[in-house]
N, C-alpha and C. Protein backbone atom coordinates (compact mmCIF):
# COMPACT_ATOMS: atom_id res chain seq x y z
N ALA A 1 79.99 -75.17 -33.59
CA ALA A 1 79.59 -73.89 -34.16
C ALA A 1 80.68 -72.86 -33.90
N LYS A 2 80.90 -72.03 -34.86
CA LYS A 2 81.93 -71.00 -34.75
C LYS A 2 81.41 -69.86 -33.88
N MET A 3 82.17 -69.44 -32.92
CA MET A 3 81.79 -68.34 -32.03
C MET A 3 82.20 -67.02 -32.67
N ALA A 4 81.35 -66.03 -32.52
CA ALA A 4 81.68 -64.70 -33.04
C ALA A 4 82.74 -64.07 -32.16
N SER A 5 83.64 -63.34 -32.76
CA SER A 5 84.67 -62.66 -31.98
C SER A 5 84.05 -61.52 -31.20
N ALA A 6 84.73 -61.07 -30.16
CA ALA A 6 84.23 -59.96 -29.34
C ALA A 6 83.98 -58.73 -30.20
N ALA A 7 84.84 -58.50 -31.17
CA ALA A 7 84.66 -57.33 -32.04
C ALA A 7 83.40 -57.47 -32.88
N ARG A 8 83.08 -58.69 -33.28
CA ARG A 8 81.92 -58.90 -34.12
C ARG A 8 80.62 -58.88 -33.31
N LYS A 9 80.71 -59.19 -32.01
CA LYS A 9 79.53 -59.19 -31.17
C LYS A 9 79.06 -57.78 -30.84
N ARG A 10 79.89 -56.79 -31.02
CA ARG A 10 79.52 -55.42 -30.70
C ARG A 10 79.79 -54.54 -31.91
N ALA A 11 78.84 -53.74 -32.22
CA ALA A 11 79.00 -52.78 -33.31
C ALA A 11 78.83 -51.40 -32.72
N ARG A 12 79.14 -50.40 -33.46
CA ARG A 12 79.02 -49.04 -32.97
C ARG A 12 77.93 -48.33 -33.78
N THR A 13 77.25 -47.41 -33.12
CA THR A 13 76.25 -46.61 -33.80
C THR A 13 76.76 -45.19 -33.93
N GLY A 14 76.01 -44.38 -34.61
CA GLY A 14 76.37 -42.98 -34.73
C GLY A 14 76.90 -42.68 -36.11
N GLY A 15 77.64 -41.61 -36.21
CA GLY A 15 78.15 -41.17 -37.50
C GLY A 15 79.26 -42.06 -38.02
N ALA A 16 79.57 -41.88 -39.25
CA ALA A 16 80.59 -42.69 -39.90
C ALA A 16 81.99 -42.36 -39.42
N GLY A 17 82.13 -41.25 -38.68
CA GLY A 17 83.45 -40.82 -38.26
C GLY A 17 83.98 -41.53 -37.04
N GLY A 18 83.16 -42.41 -36.40
CA GLY A 18 83.66 -43.15 -35.24
C GLY A 18 83.78 -42.28 -34.00
N GLU A 19 82.76 -41.45 -33.74
CA GLU A 19 82.81 -40.57 -32.56
C GLU A 19 82.92 -41.39 -31.28
N ALA A 20 83.55 -40.81 -30.27
CA ALA A 20 83.78 -41.50 -29.01
C ALA A 20 82.49 -41.72 -28.23
N ASP A 21 81.43 -40.93 -28.47
CA ASP A 21 80.20 -41.06 -27.70
C ASP A 21 79.19 -42.03 -28.32
N GLU A 22 79.61 -42.79 -29.33
CA GLU A 22 78.71 -43.74 -29.95
C GLU A 22 78.36 -44.85 -28.97
N GLU A 23 77.10 -45.37 -29.05
CA GLU A 23 76.63 -46.43 -28.17
C GLU A 23 76.84 -47.79 -28.82
N PRO A 24 77.23 -48.82 -28.03
CA PRO A 24 77.37 -50.15 -28.60
C PRO A 24 76.00 -50.78 -28.86
N VAL A 25 75.94 -51.63 -29.87
CA VAL A 25 74.73 -52.38 -30.20
C VAL A 25 75.12 -53.85 -30.19
N PRO A 26 74.38 -54.72 -29.46
CA PRO A 26 74.74 -56.13 -29.45
C PRO A 26 74.55 -56.75 -30.83
N VAL A 27 75.44 -57.67 -31.16
CA VAL A 27 75.36 -58.41 -32.42
C VAL A 27 75.35 -59.88 -32.04
N ALA A 28 74.34 -60.62 -32.50
CA ALA A 28 74.15 -62.01 -32.11
C ALA A 28 75.24 -62.91 -32.68
N ASP A 29 75.63 -63.94 -31.90
CA ASP A 29 76.53 -64.97 -32.40
C ASP A 29 75.91 -65.59 -33.64
N GLY A 30 76.72 -65.94 -34.59
CA GLY A 30 76.25 -66.63 -35.77
C GLY A 30 75.94 -65.72 -36.94
N PHE A 31 75.76 -64.44 -36.69
CA PHE A 31 75.51 -63.51 -37.79
C PHE A 31 76.83 -62.83 -38.14
N GLU A 32 77.10 -62.69 -39.39
CA GLU A 32 78.32 -62.05 -39.84
C GLU A 32 78.18 -60.54 -39.73
N ALA A 33 79.27 -59.85 -39.66
CA ALA A 33 79.28 -58.39 -39.52
C ALA A 33 78.45 -57.68 -40.58
N PRO A 34 78.44 -58.12 -41.87
CA PRO A 34 77.63 -57.39 -42.85
C PRO A 34 76.14 -57.38 -42.53
N ILE A 35 75.66 -58.38 -41.79
CA ILE A 35 74.24 -58.41 -41.47
C ILE A 35 73.92 -57.40 -40.38
N PHE A 36 74.70 -57.37 -39.32
CA PHE A 36 74.44 -56.46 -38.22
C PHE A 36 75.64 -55.56 -37.97
N GLY A 37 76.16 -54.96 -38.98
CA GLY A 37 77.30 -54.07 -38.83
C GLY A 37 76.86 -52.80 -38.12
N ALA A 38 77.42 -51.69 -38.47
CA ALA A 38 77.05 -50.42 -37.85
C ALA A 38 75.57 -50.16 -38.08
N ARG A 39 74.88 -49.74 -37.04
CA ARG A 39 73.45 -49.46 -37.10
C ARG A 39 73.22 -48.16 -37.85
N VAL A 40 72.42 -48.22 -38.88
CA VAL A 40 72.09 -47.05 -39.68
C VAL A 40 70.57 -46.96 -39.75
N VAL A 41 70.00 -45.88 -39.24
CA VAL A 41 68.55 -45.71 -39.25
C VAL A 41 68.05 -45.77 -40.69
N GLY A 42 67.05 -46.61 -40.93
CA GLY A 42 66.50 -46.78 -42.27
C GLY A 42 67.12 -47.89 -43.07
N GLN A 43 68.23 -48.46 -42.61
CA GLN A 43 68.90 -49.57 -43.30
C GLN A 43 68.02 -50.81 -43.25
N VAL A 44 67.80 -51.46 -44.37
CA VAL A 44 67.03 -52.69 -44.45
C VAL A 44 67.96 -53.84 -44.80
N THR A 45 67.86 -54.94 -44.05
CA THR A 45 68.69 -56.11 -44.26
C THR A 45 67.82 -57.36 -44.22
N THR A 46 68.00 -58.25 -45.17
CA THR A 46 67.27 -59.51 -45.19
C THR A 46 68.05 -60.53 -44.39
N LEU A 47 67.37 -61.19 -43.46
CA LEU A 47 68.01 -62.19 -42.62
C LEU A 47 67.87 -63.57 -43.24
N ALA A 48 68.96 -64.31 -43.31
CA ALA A 48 68.94 -65.67 -43.82
C ALA A 48 68.54 -66.60 -42.68
N LEU A 49 67.41 -67.27 -42.82
CA LEU A 49 66.91 -68.16 -41.77
C LEU A 49 67.20 -69.60 -42.15
N GLU A 50 67.74 -70.36 -41.19
CA GLU A 50 68.09 -71.76 -41.40
C GLU A 50 67.13 -72.65 -40.62
N GLY A 51 66.40 -73.51 -41.33
CA GLY A 51 65.53 -74.48 -40.69
C GLY A 51 66.21 -75.81 -40.52
N GLU A 52 65.47 -76.79 -40.03
CA GLU A 52 66.02 -78.12 -39.83
C GLU A 52 66.48 -78.74 -41.14
N ASP A 53 65.82 -78.35 -42.25
CA ASP A 53 66.16 -78.91 -43.56
C ASP A 53 66.91 -77.93 -44.45
N GLY A 54 67.47 -76.89 -43.88
CA GLY A 54 68.22 -75.92 -44.67
C GLY A 54 67.56 -74.55 -44.68
N PRO A 55 67.96 -73.68 -45.61
CA PRO A 55 67.43 -72.31 -45.65
C PRO A 55 65.91 -72.30 -45.84
N LEU A 56 65.25 -71.36 -45.17
CA LEU A 56 63.80 -71.23 -45.26
C LEU A 56 63.42 -70.13 -46.23
N SER A 57 62.39 -70.38 -46.98
CA SER A 57 61.81 -69.37 -47.86
C SER A 57 60.31 -69.54 -47.75
N LEU A 58 59.70 -68.86 -46.78
CA LEU A 58 58.29 -69.00 -46.48
C LEU A 58 57.58 -67.67 -46.62
N CYS A 59 56.27 -67.75 -46.76
CA CYS A 59 55.46 -66.54 -46.74
C CYS A 59 55.22 -66.17 -45.28
N GLN A 60 55.86 -65.13 -44.80
CA GLN A 60 55.71 -64.71 -43.42
C GLN A 60 54.53 -63.75 -43.30
N ASP A 61 53.67 -64.00 -42.30
CA ASP A 61 52.48 -63.17 -42.11
C ASP A 61 52.53 -62.35 -40.84
N GLY A 62 53.50 -62.57 -39.98
CA GLY A 62 53.62 -61.80 -38.74
C GLY A 62 54.94 -62.09 -38.08
N VAL A 63 55.36 -61.16 -37.23
CA VAL A 63 56.61 -61.33 -36.50
C VAL A 63 56.49 -60.62 -35.16
N ALA A 64 57.08 -61.21 -34.11
CA ALA A 64 57.08 -60.61 -32.78
C ALA A 64 58.40 -60.95 -32.09
N SER A 65 58.98 -59.98 -31.41
CA SER A 65 60.23 -60.17 -30.67
C SER A 65 59.93 -60.73 -29.29
N ASP A 66 60.81 -61.61 -28.81
CA ASP A 66 60.64 -62.11 -27.43
C ASP A 66 61.39 -61.25 -26.43
N HIS A 67 61.97 -60.15 -26.86
CA HIS A 67 62.69 -59.18 -26.02
C HIS A 67 63.95 -59.78 -25.39
N ALA A 68 64.38 -60.95 -25.85
CA ALA A 68 65.59 -61.58 -25.32
C ALA A 68 66.54 -61.97 -26.45
N GLY A 69 66.34 -61.41 -27.64
CA GLY A 69 67.25 -61.68 -28.74
C GLY A 69 66.71 -62.61 -29.80
N ALA A 70 65.59 -63.26 -29.54
CA ALA A 70 64.98 -64.14 -30.53
C ALA A 70 63.63 -63.55 -30.94
N TRP A 71 62.97 -64.19 -31.89
CA TRP A 71 61.66 -63.71 -32.29
C TRP A 71 60.83 -64.86 -32.81
N TYR A 72 59.56 -64.59 -33.04
CA TYR A 72 58.62 -65.57 -33.56
C TYR A 72 58.12 -65.08 -34.91
N VAL A 73 57.92 -66.02 -35.83
CA VAL A 73 57.44 -65.71 -37.17
C VAL A 73 56.18 -66.53 -37.43
N ALA A 74 55.13 -65.87 -37.89
CA ALA A 74 53.90 -66.55 -38.27
C ALA A 74 53.93 -66.78 -39.77
N THR A 75 53.66 -68.02 -40.18
CA THR A 75 53.49 -68.34 -41.59
C THR A 75 52.04 -68.78 -41.78
N LYS A 76 51.69 -69.15 -42.96
CA LYS A 76 50.30 -69.55 -43.23
C LYS A 76 49.85 -70.68 -42.31
N ASP A 77 50.70 -71.64 -42.02
CA ASP A 77 50.26 -72.79 -41.23
C ASP A 77 51.17 -73.16 -40.06
N SER A 78 52.17 -72.32 -39.77
CA SER A 78 53.11 -72.63 -38.68
C SER A 78 53.48 -71.38 -37.91
N LEU A 79 53.82 -71.61 -36.65
CA LEU A 79 54.39 -70.56 -35.81
C LEU A 79 55.80 -71.02 -35.50
N LEU A 80 56.78 -70.19 -35.89
CA LEU A 80 58.18 -70.57 -35.80
C LEU A 80 58.91 -69.71 -34.77
N HIS A 81 59.86 -70.32 -34.06
CA HIS A 81 60.76 -69.60 -33.16
C HIS A 81 62.08 -69.44 -33.91
N VAL A 82 62.60 -68.24 -33.95
CA VAL A 82 63.87 -67.96 -34.61
C VAL A 82 64.86 -67.51 -33.54
N SER A 83 65.91 -68.27 -33.34
CA SER A 83 66.91 -67.93 -32.32
C SER A 83 67.72 -66.72 -32.78
N ALA A 84 68.47 -66.16 -31.86
CA ALA A 84 69.35 -65.03 -32.18
C ALA A 84 70.38 -65.40 -33.23
N ALA A 85 70.69 -66.70 -33.34
CA ALA A 85 71.65 -67.16 -34.33
C ALA A 85 71.00 -67.47 -35.68
N GLY A 86 69.67 -67.28 -35.78
CA GLY A 86 68.98 -67.50 -37.04
C GLY A 86 68.47 -68.92 -37.25
N ARG A 87 68.57 -69.79 -36.24
CA ARG A 87 68.05 -71.16 -36.34
C ARG A 87 66.55 -71.15 -36.08
N VAL A 88 65.82 -71.96 -36.82
CA VAL A 88 64.37 -71.95 -36.77
C VAL A 88 63.84 -73.29 -36.28
N ARG A 89 62.84 -73.24 -35.39
CA ARG A 89 62.14 -74.46 -34.97
C ARG A 89 60.65 -74.16 -34.94
N THR A 90 59.84 -75.18 -35.17
CA THR A 90 58.39 -75.03 -35.16
C THR A 90 57.88 -75.07 -33.73
N VAL A 91 57.07 -74.09 -33.36
CA VAL A 91 56.44 -74.04 -32.03
C VAL A 91 55.06 -74.66 -32.10
N ALA A 92 54.29 -74.32 -33.14
CA ALA A 92 52.92 -74.83 -33.29
C ALA A 92 52.55 -74.84 -34.77
N THR A 93 51.58 -75.67 -35.10
CA THR A 93 51.05 -75.70 -36.45
C THR A 93 49.54 -75.48 -36.40
N CYS A 94 48.98 -75.09 -37.53
CA CYS A 94 47.56 -74.78 -37.61
C CYS A 94 46.99 -75.50 -38.82
N GLU A 95 45.98 -76.36 -38.60
CA GLU A 95 45.43 -77.14 -39.71
C GLU A 95 44.40 -76.37 -40.52
N GLU A 96 43.68 -75.44 -39.89
CA GLU A 96 42.74 -74.62 -40.65
C GLU A 96 43.01 -73.17 -40.31
N GLY A 97 42.75 -72.31 -41.25
CA GLY A 97 43.09 -70.91 -41.04
C GLY A 97 44.58 -70.74 -41.16
N GLY A 98 45.13 -69.90 -40.32
CA GLY A 98 46.57 -69.69 -40.35
C GLY A 98 46.98 -68.67 -39.32
N PHE A 99 48.26 -68.61 -39.06
CA PHE A 99 48.80 -67.63 -38.13
C PHE A 99 49.06 -66.33 -38.88
N PHE A 100 48.60 -65.22 -38.36
CA PHE A 100 48.82 -63.94 -39.02
C PHE A 100 49.46 -62.97 -38.02
N GLY A 101 48.73 -61.95 -37.57
CA GLY A 101 49.31 -61.00 -36.63
C GLY A 101 49.73 -61.67 -35.35
N LEU A 102 50.86 -61.25 -34.79
CA LEU A 102 51.40 -61.85 -33.57
C LEU A 102 51.68 -60.81 -32.50
N ALA A 103 51.48 -61.20 -31.25
CA ALA A 103 51.92 -60.42 -30.09
C ALA A 103 52.40 -61.41 -29.04
N ILE A 104 53.41 -61.05 -28.28
CA ILE A 104 53.94 -61.95 -27.25
C ILE A 104 53.75 -61.32 -25.88
N SER A 105 53.42 -62.14 -24.89
CA SER A 105 53.23 -61.63 -23.52
C SER A 105 54.57 -61.10 -23.01
N PRO A 106 54.52 -60.13 -22.10
CA PRO A 106 55.77 -59.56 -21.57
C PRO A 106 56.71 -60.59 -20.96
N ASP A 107 56.16 -61.66 -20.37
CA ASP A 107 57.04 -62.67 -19.78
C ASP A 107 57.48 -63.74 -20.79
N GLY A 108 57.00 -63.65 -22.04
CA GLY A 108 57.42 -64.55 -23.10
C GLY A 108 56.79 -65.92 -23.08
N SER A 109 55.80 -66.16 -22.21
CA SER A 109 55.22 -67.49 -22.09
C SER A 109 54.08 -67.75 -23.06
N MET A 110 53.45 -66.69 -23.55
CA MET A 110 52.29 -66.83 -24.44
C MET A 110 52.43 -65.96 -25.67
N LEU A 111 51.96 -66.50 -26.79
CA LEU A 111 51.82 -65.72 -28.02
C LEU A 111 50.34 -65.60 -28.31
N PHE A 112 49.94 -64.48 -28.87
CA PHE A 112 48.56 -64.27 -29.27
C PHE A 112 48.57 -63.98 -30.75
N GLU A 113 47.60 -64.54 -31.48
CA GLU A 113 47.59 -64.34 -32.91
C GLU A 113 46.17 -64.09 -33.41
N ALA A 114 46.09 -63.26 -34.43
CA ALA A 114 44.84 -62.95 -35.09
C ALA A 114 44.78 -63.76 -36.37
N ASP A 115 43.75 -64.58 -36.53
CA ASP A 115 43.60 -65.41 -37.73
C ASP A 115 42.65 -64.74 -38.70
N PHE A 116 43.21 -64.20 -39.75
CA PHE A 116 42.49 -63.47 -40.80
C PHE A 116 41.47 -64.37 -41.50
N ASP A 117 41.81 -65.64 -41.71
CA ASP A 117 40.96 -66.56 -42.47
C ASP A 117 39.77 -67.10 -41.67
N THR A 118 40.00 -67.49 -40.42
CA THR A 118 38.92 -68.09 -39.63
C THR A 118 38.24 -67.10 -38.69
N HIS A 119 38.70 -65.84 -38.70
CA HIS A 119 38.06 -64.78 -37.91
C HIS A 119 38.11 -65.10 -36.42
N GLU A 120 39.27 -65.60 -35.95
CA GLU A 120 39.44 -65.99 -34.56
C GLU A 120 40.71 -65.39 -33.97
N ILE A 121 40.73 -65.30 -32.64
CA ILE A 121 41.91 -64.86 -31.89
C ILE A 121 42.36 -66.06 -31.08
N ARG A 122 43.65 -66.41 -31.21
CA ARG A 122 44.18 -67.60 -30.54
C ARG A 122 45.31 -67.26 -29.58
N ARG A 123 45.47 -68.15 -28.60
CA ARG A 123 46.59 -68.08 -27.65
C ARG A 123 47.44 -69.32 -27.87
N VAL A 124 48.76 -69.15 -27.91
CA VAL A 124 49.69 -70.27 -28.07
C VAL A 124 50.60 -70.29 -26.86
N GLU A 125 50.63 -71.41 -26.15
CA GLU A 125 51.57 -71.58 -25.04
C GLU A 125 52.93 -71.90 -25.65
N VAL A 126 53.91 -71.05 -25.40
CA VAL A 126 55.23 -71.20 -26.02
C VAL A 126 55.90 -72.51 -25.62
N ALA A 127 55.82 -72.88 -24.35
CA ALA A 127 56.51 -74.08 -23.87
C ALA A 127 55.97 -75.37 -24.49
N SER A 128 54.65 -75.47 -24.64
CA SER A 128 54.04 -76.71 -25.12
C SER A 128 53.59 -76.67 -26.58
N GLY A 129 53.38 -75.46 -27.11
CA GLY A 129 52.84 -75.32 -28.47
C GLY A 129 51.34 -75.48 -28.54
N ALA A 130 50.67 -75.60 -27.38
CA ALA A 130 49.21 -75.77 -27.36
C ALA A 130 48.54 -74.50 -27.87
N VAL A 131 47.58 -74.68 -28.78
CA VAL A 131 46.86 -73.57 -29.39
C VAL A 131 45.41 -73.61 -28.89
N THR A 132 44.93 -72.48 -28.36
CA THR A 132 43.57 -72.36 -27.85
C THR A 132 42.89 -71.16 -28.49
N THR A 133 41.66 -71.33 -28.94
CA THR A 133 40.90 -70.20 -29.47
C THR A 133 40.32 -69.42 -28.29
N LEU A 134 40.67 -68.13 -28.19
CA LEU A 134 40.15 -67.27 -27.13
C LEU A 134 38.81 -66.66 -27.49
N ALA A 135 38.69 -66.22 -28.72
CA ALA A 135 37.48 -65.52 -29.13
C ALA A 135 37.29 -65.67 -30.63
N GLY A 136 36.04 -65.64 -31.04
CA GLY A 136 35.69 -65.72 -32.44
C GLY A 136 34.89 -66.97 -32.74
N SER A 137 33.83 -66.79 -33.51
CA SER A 137 32.93 -67.91 -33.82
C SER A 137 33.43 -68.74 -35.00
N GLY A 138 34.37 -68.21 -35.76
CA GLY A 138 34.82 -68.91 -36.95
C GLY A 138 34.10 -68.43 -38.20
N THR A 139 33.10 -67.57 -38.03
CA THR A 139 32.42 -66.96 -39.18
C THR A 139 32.52 -65.45 -39.02
N GLU A 140 32.59 -64.75 -40.16
CA GLU A 140 32.75 -63.31 -40.06
C GLU A 140 31.49 -62.65 -39.52
N GLY A 141 31.72 -61.59 -38.75
CA GLY A 141 30.63 -60.83 -38.15
C GLY A 141 31.20 -59.72 -37.31
N THR A 142 30.33 -59.10 -36.52
CA THR A 142 30.78 -57.96 -35.71
C THR A 142 30.26 -57.99 -34.28
N ALA A 143 29.93 -59.16 -33.76
CA ALA A 143 29.34 -59.26 -32.43
C ALA A 143 30.38 -59.23 -31.33
N ASP A 144 30.09 -58.47 -30.26
CA ASP A 144 30.86 -58.56 -29.03
C ASP A 144 30.31 -59.76 -28.26
N GLY A 145 31.11 -60.33 -27.39
CA GLY A 145 30.67 -61.48 -26.61
C GLY A 145 31.86 -62.21 -26.05
N VAL A 146 31.59 -63.32 -25.37
CA VAL A 146 32.63 -64.13 -24.76
C VAL A 146 32.88 -65.36 -25.62
N GLY A 147 34.17 -65.68 -25.84
CA GLY A 147 34.54 -66.88 -26.59
C GLY A 147 33.96 -66.90 -27.99
N ASP A 148 33.26 -68.00 -28.32
CA ASP A 148 32.74 -68.14 -29.68
C ASP A 148 31.47 -67.34 -29.93
N ALA A 149 30.99 -66.61 -28.93
CA ALA A 149 29.85 -65.69 -29.15
C ALA A 149 30.33 -64.41 -29.84
N ALA A 150 31.62 -64.13 -29.73
CA ALA A 150 32.19 -62.94 -30.39
C ALA A 150 32.43 -63.24 -31.85
N GLN A 151 32.37 -62.21 -32.68
CA GLN A 151 32.65 -62.37 -34.10
C GLN A 151 33.60 -61.28 -34.57
N PHE A 152 34.49 -61.65 -35.48
CA PHE A 152 35.44 -60.76 -36.12
C PHE A 152 35.28 -60.88 -37.63
N ASP A 153 35.79 -59.90 -38.34
CA ASP A 153 35.80 -59.96 -39.80
C ASP A 153 37.22 -59.64 -40.27
N CYS A 154 37.98 -60.70 -40.51
CA CYS A 154 39.35 -60.59 -40.99
C CYS A 154 40.28 -59.84 -40.03
N PRO A 155 40.39 -60.31 -38.77
CA PRO A 155 41.34 -59.67 -37.86
C PRO A 155 42.76 -59.92 -38.33
N ASN A 156 43.61 -58.88 -38.28
CA ASN A 156 44.97 -59.11 -38.78
C ASN A 156 46.06 -58.48 -37.95
N GLY A 157 45.78 -57.53 -37.12
CA GLY A 157 46.80 -56.94 -36.27
C GLY A 157 46.45 -57.18 -34.82
N ILE A 158 47.46 -57.35 -33.97
CA ILE A 158 47.20 -57.64 -32.57
C ILE A 158 48.33 -57.07 -31.70
N ALA A 159 47.97 -56.56 -30.54
CA ALA A 159 48.94 -56.05 -29.57
C ALA A 159 48.46 -56.43 -28.18
N ILE A 160 49.39 -56.64 -27.26
CA ILE A 160 49.02 -57.03 -25.90
C ILE A 160 49.22 -55.87 -24.95
N SER A 161 48.36 -55.78 -23.95
CA SER A 161 48.50 -54.73 -22.94
C SER A 161 49.74 -55.00 -22.10
N PRO A 162 50.33 -53.96 -21.51
CA PRO A 162 51.56 -54.15 -20.72
C PRO A 162 51.41 -55.12 -19.56
N ASP A 163 50.20 -55.22 -18.99
CA ASP A 163 49.99 -56.14 -17.87
C ASP A 163 49.46 -57.50 -18.31
N SER A 164 49.39 -57.74 -19.60
CA SER A 164 48.94 -59.01 -20.19
C SER A 164 47.48 -59.35 -19.89
N SER A 165 46.67 -58.36 -19.54
CA SER A 165 45.28 -58.64 -19.21
C SER A 165 44.37 -58.64 -20.43
N ALA A 166 44.83 -58.07 -21.54
CA ALA A 166 43.99 -57.97 -22.73
C ALA A 166 44.87 -57.89 -23.98
N VAL A 167 44.28 -58.28 -25.12
CA VAL A 167 44.89 -58.03 -26.41
C VAL A 167 43.96 -57.09 -27.17
N PHE A 168 44.56 -56.27 -28.01
CA PHE A 168 43.81 -55.34 -28.84
C PHE A 168 43.97 -55.81 -30.28
N VAL A 169 42.84 -55.92 -30.97
CA VAL A 169 42.81 -56.53 -32.29
C VAL A 169 42.36 -55.51 -33.33
N ALA A 170 43.11 -55.42 -34.42
CA ALA A 170 42.68 -54.63 -35.57
C ALA A 170 41.74 -55.52 -36.38
N ASP A 171 40.45 -55.25 -36.26
CA ASP A 171 39.42 -56.03 -36.94
C ASP A 171 39.18 -55.38 -38.30
N CYS A 172 39.98 -55.79 -39.27
CA CYS A 172 40.08 -55.13 -40.57
C CYS A 172 38.74 -54.98 -41.28
N GLY A 173 37.99 -56.08 -41.42
CA GLY A 173 36.73 -56.04 -42.15
C GLY A 173 35.68 -55.17 -41.50
N ASN A 174 35.73 -55.06 -40.18
CA ASN A 174 34.77 -54.23 -39.44
C ASN A 174 35.27 -52.82 -39.22
N ARG A 175 36.53 -52.58 -39.54
CA ARG A 175 37.15 -51.27 -39.35
C ARG A 175 37.01 -50.79 -37.89
N LYS A 176 37.38 -51.72 -36.98
CA LYS A 176 37.27 -51.45 -35.55
C LYS A 176 38.50 -51.99 -34.83
N ILE A 177 38.78 -51.42 -33.67
CA ILE A 177 39.76 -51.98 -32.75
C ILE A 177 38.95 -52.68 -31.67
N ARG A 178 39.27 -53.94 -31.42
CA ARG A 178 38.51 -54.75 -30.47
C ARG A 178 39.43 -55.15 -29.32
N ARG A 179 38.88 -55.20 -28.11
CA ARG A 179 39.62 -55.61 -26.91
C ARG A 179 39.14 -57.00 -26.52
N VAL A 180 40.12 -57.90 -26.30
CA VAL A 180 39.81 -59.27 -25.87
C VAL A 180 40.51 -59.48 -24.54
N GLU A 181 39.75 -59.83 -23.51
CA GLU A 181 40.33 -60.13 -22.20
C GLU A 181 41.03 -61.48 -22.26
N VAL A 182 42.24 -61.56 -21.67
CA VAL A 182 42.99 -62.83 -21.71
C VAL A 182 43.31 -63.32 -20.32
């Protein structure tokens, strides 16, 4: 693999004039300068993702950063890890429902996802890919409770507390924010 040059690994932010007080921004190996050139607030760039079988073109339903340069992407039936170089590998698959909203634990060991289709909240162990349903009966409803006694109606957004003790779920169909202990 071709290594990025030192100049390409660092870009400058700030005005176009190249002021001396501009802050450096890291640029990942494998990405060309046009992708992560000078940081411009509001600039939108499409990232080319490479899977095991070539470029990926999937319906992405969620994304979460691992805070170490890589990120996770939820598709209808897969949870993918995307390296800083843009390489993609499958972490877990889902036979019913699908992966939608994503949140990652601060230590990067667990992902949490809200399944819009099956009305469930799941935990994915990053190292093994094991998927566990934390809460939700699998049918839409609005009941509080533990595990499958709880009901959601099309949950789609999720965030984790800073201490990883709970996830907060945007329960779209019920128009509520729900707290799930983890």
